[in-house]
């Protein structure tokens, strides 16, 4: 399958919802709740695993994890569509903010939150 742009996925997801008459349920509130529920389902696959086990998933488990990640992405794209947010532009802007909050000379090799740096 060819890689599609976010805008192409946005249209496909909008059409998917429209033909099923689901748009009525896709408020930002409902989509954000669905997104967090899917994120919890993703976390369940890693619950109780060691760090090493979490990086060496079976083919079956990896497929299940990929499906949960896809569900999260679907709800995120759908929510961006409903709120008219350019998701890639938002990511780009957030990276700029994070580069300022986490300067390399202060954070390299350290996982502290930006508020915990001198």
Protein backbone atom coordinates (compact mmCIF):
# COMPACT_ATOMS: atom_id res chain seq x y z
CA UNK A 1 0.00 0.00 0.00
CA UNK A 2 1.30 3.44 -0.88
CA UNK A 3 1.87 5.89 1.91
CA UNK A 4 -0.98 8.35 2.11
CA UNK A 5 -0.83 11.89 3.38
CA UNK A 6 -2.61 12.87 6.57
CA UNK A 7 -5.10 14.80 4.44
CA UNK A 8 -5.88 11.71 2.38
CA UNK A 9 -6.43 9.68 5.55
CA UNK A 10 -8.56 12.47 6.94
CA UNK A 11 -10.84 12.26 3.90
CA UNK A 12 -10.99 8.45 4.03
CA UNK A 13 -11.89 8.51 7.71
CA UNK A 14 -14.49 11.24 7.15
CA UNK A 15 -16.09 9.16 4.39
CA UNK A 16 -15.92 6.02 6.54
CA UNK A 17 -17.83 7.79 9.30
CA UNK A 18 -20.27 9.50 6.92
CA UNK A 19 -21.48 6.36 5.17
CA UNK A 20 -22.09 4.74 8.56
CA UNK A 21 -23.83 7.85 9.95
CA UNK A 22 -21.25 8.00 12.73
CA UNK A 23 -20.33 11.66 12.35
CA UNK A 24 -23.04 12.44 14.89
CA UNK A 25 -20.95 10.60 17.49
CA UNK A 26 -17.59 12.09 16.52
CA UNK A 27 -17.47 15.18 18.69
CA UNK A 28 -14.03 16.26 19.92
CA UNK A 29 -15.05 15.13 23.41
CA UNK A 30 -16.06 11.66 22.26
CA UNK A 31 -13.05 11.26 20.00
CA UNK A 32 -10.66 12.27 22.80
CA UNK A 33 -12.30 9.72 25.09
CA UNK A 34 -12.04 7.00 22.43
CA UNK A 35 -8.40 7.93 21.85
CA UNK A 36 -7.48 7.53 25.52
CA UNK A 37 -9.35 4.21 25.70
CA UNK A 38 -7.31 2.93 22.75
CA UNK A 39 -4.11 4.20 24.38
CA UNK A 40 -5.02 2.18 27.48
CA UNK A 41 -5.51 -0.90 25.29
CA UNK A 42 -2.03 -0.32 23.87
CA UNK A 43 -0.55 -0.11 27.36
CA UNK A 44 -2.19 -3.42 28.31
CA UNK A 45 0.06 -5.23 25.83
CA UNK A 46 3.13 -4.05 27.75
CA UNK A 47 1.81 -4.36 31.28
CA UNK A 48 4.02 -6.60 33.43
CA UNK A 49 6.67 -7.04 30.73
CA UNK A 50 10.31 -6.28 31.43
CA UNK A 51 12.10 -3.65 29.34
CA UNK A 52 13.73 -6.44 27.34
CA UNK A 53 10.45 -8.30 26.79
CA UNK A 54 8.74 -5.11 25.64
CA UNK A 55 11.34 -4.74 22.88
CA UNK A 56 11.07 -8.37 21.71
CA UNK A 57 7.40 -8.97 20.98
CA UNK A 58 6.15 -12.05 19.17
CA UNK A 59 4.74 -11.58 15.67
CA UNK A 60 1.21 -11.99 17.02
CA UNK A 61 1.76 -9.48 19.82
CA UNK A 62 3.44 -7.02 17.46
CA UNK A 63 0.44 -7.23 15.13
CA UNK A 64 -1.94 -6.55 18.02
CA UNK A 65 0.21 -3.59 19.12
CA UNK A 66 0.23 -2.23 15.56
CA UNK A 67 -3.58 -2.43 15.46
CA UNK A 68 -3.88 -0.50 18.74
CA UNK A 69 -1.45 2.13 17.45
CA UNK A 70 -3.52 2.39 14.27
CA UNK A 71 -6.69 2.90 16.32
CA UNK A 72 -4.97 5.72 18.20
CA UNK A 73 -3.82 7.33 14.96
CA UNK A 74 -7.30 7.02 13.45
CA UNK A 75 -8.93 8.81 16.37
CA UNK A 76 -6.18 11.45 16.41
CA UNK A 77 -6.59 12.19 12.70
CA UNK A 78 -10.38 12.21 13.03
CA UNK A 79 -10.16 14.64 15.95
CA UNK A 80 -7.79 16.91 14.02
CA UNK A 81 -10.30 16.91 11.18
CA UNK A 82 -13.18 17.86 13.47
CA UNK A 83 -11.15 20.68 15.05
CA UNK A 84 -9.60 21.81 11.75
CA UNK A 85 -6.07 21.30 13.07
CA UNK A 86 -3.20 20.69 10.66
CA UNK A 87 -1.65 17.80 12.55
CA UNK A 88 1.74 17.90 10.82
CA UNK A 89 2.03 21.66 11.35
CA UNK A 90 1.12 21.16 15.02
CA UNK A 91 3.84 18.50 15.36
CA UNK A 92 6.35 20.80 13.69
CA UNK A 93 5.45 23.67 16.03
CA UNK A 94 5.64 21.40 19.07
CA UNK A 95 9.11 20.18 18.07
CA UNK A 96 10.29 23.79 17.97
CA UNK A 97 8.87 24.34 21.48
CA UNK A 98 10.49 21.12 22.73
CA UNK A 99 13.86 22.08 21.26
CA UNK A 100 13.72 25.26 23.36
CA UNK A 101 12.48 23.48 26.51
CA UNK A 102 15.06 20.71 26.22
CA UNK A 103 18.39 22.17 25.04
CA UNK A 104 20.87 19.43 24.16
CA UNK A 105 23.58 20.73 26.48
CA UNK A 106 21.26 20.36 29.49
CA UNK A 107 19.31 17.21 28.67
CA UNK A 108 21.56 14.85 26.76
CA UNK A 109 21.25 11.42 28.35
CA UNK A 110 18.86 12.63 31.05
CA UNK A 111 15.10 12.00 31.28
CA UNK A 112 14.22 14.79 33.71
CA UNK A 113 11.31 17.08 32.94
CA UNK A 114 12.26 20.54 31.70
CA UNK A 115 11.05 22.10 34.97
CA UNK A 116 13.67 20.08 36.87
CA UNK A 117 16.68 21.62 35.10
CA UNK A 118 18.70 24.49 36.51
